[in-house]
Amino acid sequence: MEKQYKKYKLNEFVTLQVLSYTDEMMVVKLWFIGKGFDSTHHHGNQEVNIVTGGEFEATNGTERIKVYPGQAVKVPSNFEHNMECLSPTGEMVTVWTPARQDIIEKYTEQE
C-alpha cells in the first residue's frame, strides 16, 4: 500500500498532493480553483499533465491548446510551459521524470 501524503496549498488557486514517487518518477494530483499559476515556467524534468476535470489551456513554448478531461499534454525537459484552468474548478494528474526533488523536499509529509 502506498503512503498517503498531505495536501498542500501552493497558492490561493492550486492544491497539490503527492500520490507516489521514486527517484525516476513522481505522480501528483492538482486541484484548481481559478486560473492556477500566473506564468510559464521550466525545469529539467519531463512532464505529462492528464486533465481529469475542468477545461485548461496548455502553453508549451509559443503553442496554446485547449485540454479537456481524458486528454494529456507532454512537456519536454527545460521547455517553457503552463496549464491555466479556464473553468471555475479543475483537476489534473501530473507525472514528472525524474522525480522533482524540490517537491519531495517540501511536500511529502505523511498524513
Protein backbone atom coordinates (compact mmCIF):
# COMPACT_ATOMS: atom_id res chain seq x y z
CA MET A 1 0.00 0.00 0.00
CA GLU A 2 1.31 3.45 -0.92
CA LYS A 3 1.87 6.08 1.74
CA GLN A 4 -0.76 8.81 1.98
CA TYR A 5 0.75 12.30 1.72
CA LYS A 6 -0.76 15.55 2.95
CA LYS A 7 -2.35 18.09 0.61
CA TYR A 8 -0.61 21.47 0.31
CA LYS A 9 -1.90 24.81 -0.96
CA LEU A 10 0.69 26.09 -3.43
CA ASN A 11 -1.14 29.41 -3.81
CA GLU A 12 -4.72 30.64 -3.45
CA PHE A 13 -5.71 28.73 -6.62
CA VAL A 14 -3.81 25.42 -6.54
CA THR A 15 -3.61 22.48 -4.10
CA LEU A 16 -1.10 19.66 -4.62
CA GLN A 17 -0.91 16.13 -3.23
CA VAL A 18 1.92 13.72 -3.99
CA LEU A 19 0.43 10.34 -4.89
CA SER A 20 3.62 8.34 -5.39
CA TYR A 21 7.29 8.74 -6.25
CA THR A 22 10.59 7.00 -6.83
CA ASP A 23 13.92 8.54 -7.88
CA GLU A 24 12.92 8.04 -11.51
CA MET A 25 9.29 9.23 -11.46
CA MET A 26 6.73 11.22 -9.47
CA VAL A 27 2.92 11.39 -9.68
CA VAL A 28 0.89 14.21 -8.11
CA LYS A 29 -2.71 15.38 -8.18
CA LEU A 30 -3.51 19.07 -8.56
CA TRP A 31 -6.81 20.81 -7.78
CA PHE A 32 -7.51 24.24 -9.26
CA ILE A 33 -9.89 26.98 -8.12
CA GLY A 34 -9.46 29.76 -10.63
CA LYS A 35 -6.68 30.03 -13.17
CA GLY A 36 -3.84 28.40 -11.25
CA PHE A 37 -0.33 29.70 -11.87
CA ASP A 38 0.49 33.23 -13.04
CA SER A 39 3.08 32.49 -15.69
CA THR A 40 5.03 29.91 -17.63
CA HIS A 41 7.99 28.14 -16.07
CA HIS A 42 10.53 25.46 -16.93
CA HIS A 43 12.51 22.74 -15.18
CA GLY A 44 14.81 19.88 -16.11
CA ASN A 45 12.11 17.22 -15.69
CA GLN A 46 9.94 15.80 -18.45
CA GLU A 47 6.26 16.26 -17.61
CA VAL A 48 2.89 14.84 -18.59
CA ASN A 49 -0.34 16.56 -17.48
CA ILE A 50 -3.54 14.49 -17.62
CA VAL A 51 -6.71 16.54 -17.18
CA THR A 52 -9.28 14.73 -15.03
CA GLY A 53 -11.76 17.59 -14.55
CA GLY A 54 -12.45 21.06 -15.95
CA GLU A 55 -11.05 22.82 -19.00
CA PHE A 56 -7.46 24.02 -19.32
CA GLU A 57 -5.30 25.95 -21.74
CA ALA A 58 -1.86 24.42 -22.11
CA THR A 59 1.02 26.68 -23.08
CA ASN A 60 4.02 24.82 -24.49
CA GLY A 61 6.55 27.32 -25.79
CA THR A 62 4.55 29.51 -28.18
CA GLU A 63 1.81 26.89 -28.74
CA ARG A 64 -1.51 27.17 -26.87
CA ILE A 65 -4.13 24.43 -26.91
CA LYS A 66 -7.33 23.69 -25.01
CA VAL A 67 -7.25 20.48 -22.98
CA TYR A 68 -10.29 18.60 -21.65
CA PRO A 69 -10.84 15.63 -19.27
CA GLY A 70 -9.18 12.49 -20.56
CA GLN A 71 -6.62 14.42 -22.61
CA ALA A 72 -2.92 14.71 -21.84
CA VAL A 73 -0.15 17.18 -22.64
CA LYS A 74 3.53 16.24 -22.64
CA VAL A 75 6.27 18.76 -21.90
CA PRO A 76 9.93 18.18 -22.78
CA SER A 77 12.72 19.00 -20.31
CA ASN A 78 13.59 22.71 -19.94
CA PHE A 79 10.62 23.85 -22.05
CA GLU A 80 8.54 26.91 -21.07
CA HIS A 81 5.04 25.74 -20.18
CA ASN A 82 1.92 26.31 -18.08
CA MET A 83 -1.56 24.85 -17.54
CA GLU A 84 -4.17 27.57 -16.96
CA CYS A 85 -7.57 26.49 -15.67
CA LEU A 86 -10.35 28.07 -17.77
CA SER A 87 -13.27 26.61 -15.80
CA PRO A 88 -14.22 27.59 -12.21
CA THR A 89 -12.54 24.41 -10.93
CA GLY A 90 -10.26 21.82 -12.45
CA GLU A 91 -8.21 18.74 -11.64
CA MET A 92 -5.25 17.04 -13.21
CA VAL A 93 -2.69 14.36 -12.56
CA THR A 94 0.91 15.30 -13.33
CA VAL A 95 3.81 12.91 -13.85
CA TRP A 96 7.46 14.04 -13.78
CA THR A 97 10.53 12.08 -14.72
CA PRO A 98 12.89 12.11 -12.99
CA ALA A 99 11.08 12.94 -9.76
CA ARG A 100 11.05 16.62 -8.71
CA GLN A 101 13.43 16.80 -5.74
CA ASP A 102 12.12 20.28 -4.83
CA ILE A 103 8.62 18.83 -4.38
CA ILE A 104 9.87 15.77 -2.49
CA GLU A 105 11.70 18.04 -0.02
CA LYS A 106 8.68 20.33 0.63
CA TYR A 107 5.51 18.29 0.07
CA THR A 108 5.87 14.67 1.18
CA GLU A 109 4.86 14.74 4.82
CA GLN A 110 2.60 11.78 5.51
CA GLU A 111 -0.94 12.24 6.81
